Amino acid sequence: MTLKAKPAISDAGKNSRTDKTPAHFKTMQQINVPQGRKGKHQLIVATILSDLLKLQEGSAIKVPLVDLAESKEKVRSALNRATRKAGRNVATASDEIFLYIWNTSESDPA
């Protein structure tokens, strides 16, 4: 039994041995590849972070759950990623109607 090696695919998207077989996917210049992650939660997370900057100490933001395009768990996770990346400390809580978010200091047990 002999095994045949598959021809390598070059960066140009063509078979390097015969130059007749096209690549499976389209190609583009690397300079045009989008950089950074702009997830589907970016707008709500950016809005929450903006409101947190204006929030008075001892207050919390009340985000109606019906206004969220995704589940509160997914928004909470996205908010957690964003706040950790920004070096911010926030806490969250929720009930059946609202997601509550407030600023905390590192020493707060919240």
Foldseek 3Di string as FASTA:
>chain_A
DDDDDDFDQDPVQARPPPRPDGHPDDDDDPVPDDDDDDDPLNVVLVVLVVVQVVDDPPDKDWDFQVPDPDHPVVNVVVNVVVCVVVVFAKDWDDDPTTIIIHGDDPPDPD
